[in-house]
Protein backbone atom coordinates (compact mmCIF):
# COMPACT_ATOMS: atom_id res chain seq x y z
CA UNK A 1 148.66 96.18 182.22
CA UNK A 2 145.84 93.43 180.11
CA UNK A 3 142.80 92.20 181.10
CA UNK A 4 141.07 89.95 179.16
CA UNK A 5 138.03 87.57 178.97
CA UNK A 6 138.06 83.94 179.63
CA UNK A 7 137.24 83.92 176.34
CA UNK A 8 140.68 84.75 175.04
CA UNK A 9 142.48 82.86 178.16
CA UNK A 10 140.38 79.71 176.52
CA UNK A 11 142.60 79.22 173.57
CA UNK A 12 145.46 81.31 174.55
CA UNK A 13 148.18 80.89 177.22
CA UNK A 14 149.82 83.73 178.90
CA UNK A 15 153.12 83.48 177.05
CA UNK A 16 151.06 83.61 173.80
CA UNK A 17 149.41 86.57 175.01
CA UNK A 18 152.25 88.35 176.18
CA UNK A 19 154.19 87.60 173.00
CA UNK A 20 150.87 89.05 171.04
CA UNK A 21 150.95 91.95 172.67
CA UNK A 22 154.58 93.10 172.64
CA UNK A 23 154.34 92.04 168.67
CA UNK A 24 152.40 95.72 168.03
CA UNK A 25 153.16 99.13 167.98
CA UNK A 26 150.50 100.11 170.55
CA UNK A 27 147.67 99.34 173.13
CA UNK A 28 144.68 99.86 170.27
CA UNK A 29 146.78 97.77 167.74
CA UNK A 30 147.09 94.90 170.58
CA UNK A 31 143.71 94.62 171.46
CA UNK A 32 143.01 94.00 167.97
CA UNK A 33 145.44 91.25 167.41
CA UNK A 34 144.82 89.81 170.90
CA UNK A 35 141.22 89.52 170.34
CA UNK A 36 140.98 88.26 166.99
CA UNK A 37 143.77 86.05 167.33
CA UNK A 38 142.00 84.57 170.09
CA UNK A 39 138.67 83.93 167.45
CA UNK A 40 141.02 82.84 164.78
CA UNK A 41 141.97 80.22 167.49
CA UNK A 42 138.52 79.39 167.66
CA UNK A 43 137.24 80.90 170.74
CA UNK A 44 133.53 79.56 171.80
CA UNK A 45 132.79 82.71 175.10
CA UNK A 46 133.71 85.71 174.26
CA UNK A 47 136.55 87.87 173.75
CA UNK A 48 137.06 91.44 175.58
CA UNK A 49 140.82 92.87 175.92
CA UNK A 50 141.47 95.70 177.86
CA UNK A 51 145.11 97.11 177.64
CA UNK A 52 146.47 99.58 180.38
CA UNK A 53 149.32 101.31 178.47
CA UNK A 54 150.95 103.44 181.68
CA UNK A 55 153.33 105.90 178.52
CA UNK A 56 156.57 104.00 178.42
CA UNK A 57 154.99 101.82 175.57
CA UNK A 58 157.57 101.57 172.87
CA UNK A 59 161.03 102.92 175.44
CA UNK A 60 162.06 100.02 177.08
CA UNK A 61 163.83 97.02 175.66
CA UNK A 62 161.78 93.97 176.45
CA UNK A 63 163.86 91.35 174.67
CA UNK A 64 166.11 91.39 177.92
CA UNK A 65 163.83 91.48 180.36
CA UNK A 66 161.01 88.58 180.66
CA UNK A 67 157.69 90.08 181.79
CA UNK A 68 155.79 90.09 185.30
CA UNK A 69 152.60 87.48 184.96
CA UNK A 70 150.16 87.22 187.90
CA UNK A 71 147.54 84.48 187.03
CA UNK A 72 144.53 82.26 189.01
CA UNK A 73 146.77 82.72 192.11
CA UNK A 74 150.44 83.02 191.08
CA UNK A 75 153.40 85.59 190.61
CA UNK A 76 155.90 84.88 188.95
CA UNK A 77 158.50 87.20 186.70
CA UNK A 78 159.23 85.53 183.91
CA UNK A 79 158.91 81.76 182.22
CA UNK A 80 158.95 78.91 185.21
């Protein structure tokens, strides 16, 4: 589960955030990379991220599954 402020969402869309998180080895690396990437892309607001790994980090094959995204009143599985 990832919670981010509008500083991150102002410069990264949901797919970019998910791909960034899934490319990391653990939650600590994901938070650092996500906030650094948002700052690199020119975020002008605060960039804060909280990632809860739920214990299955690295044990699941995400290549065959699309993530569940909850955003701005929409809930959908995978890309539209």
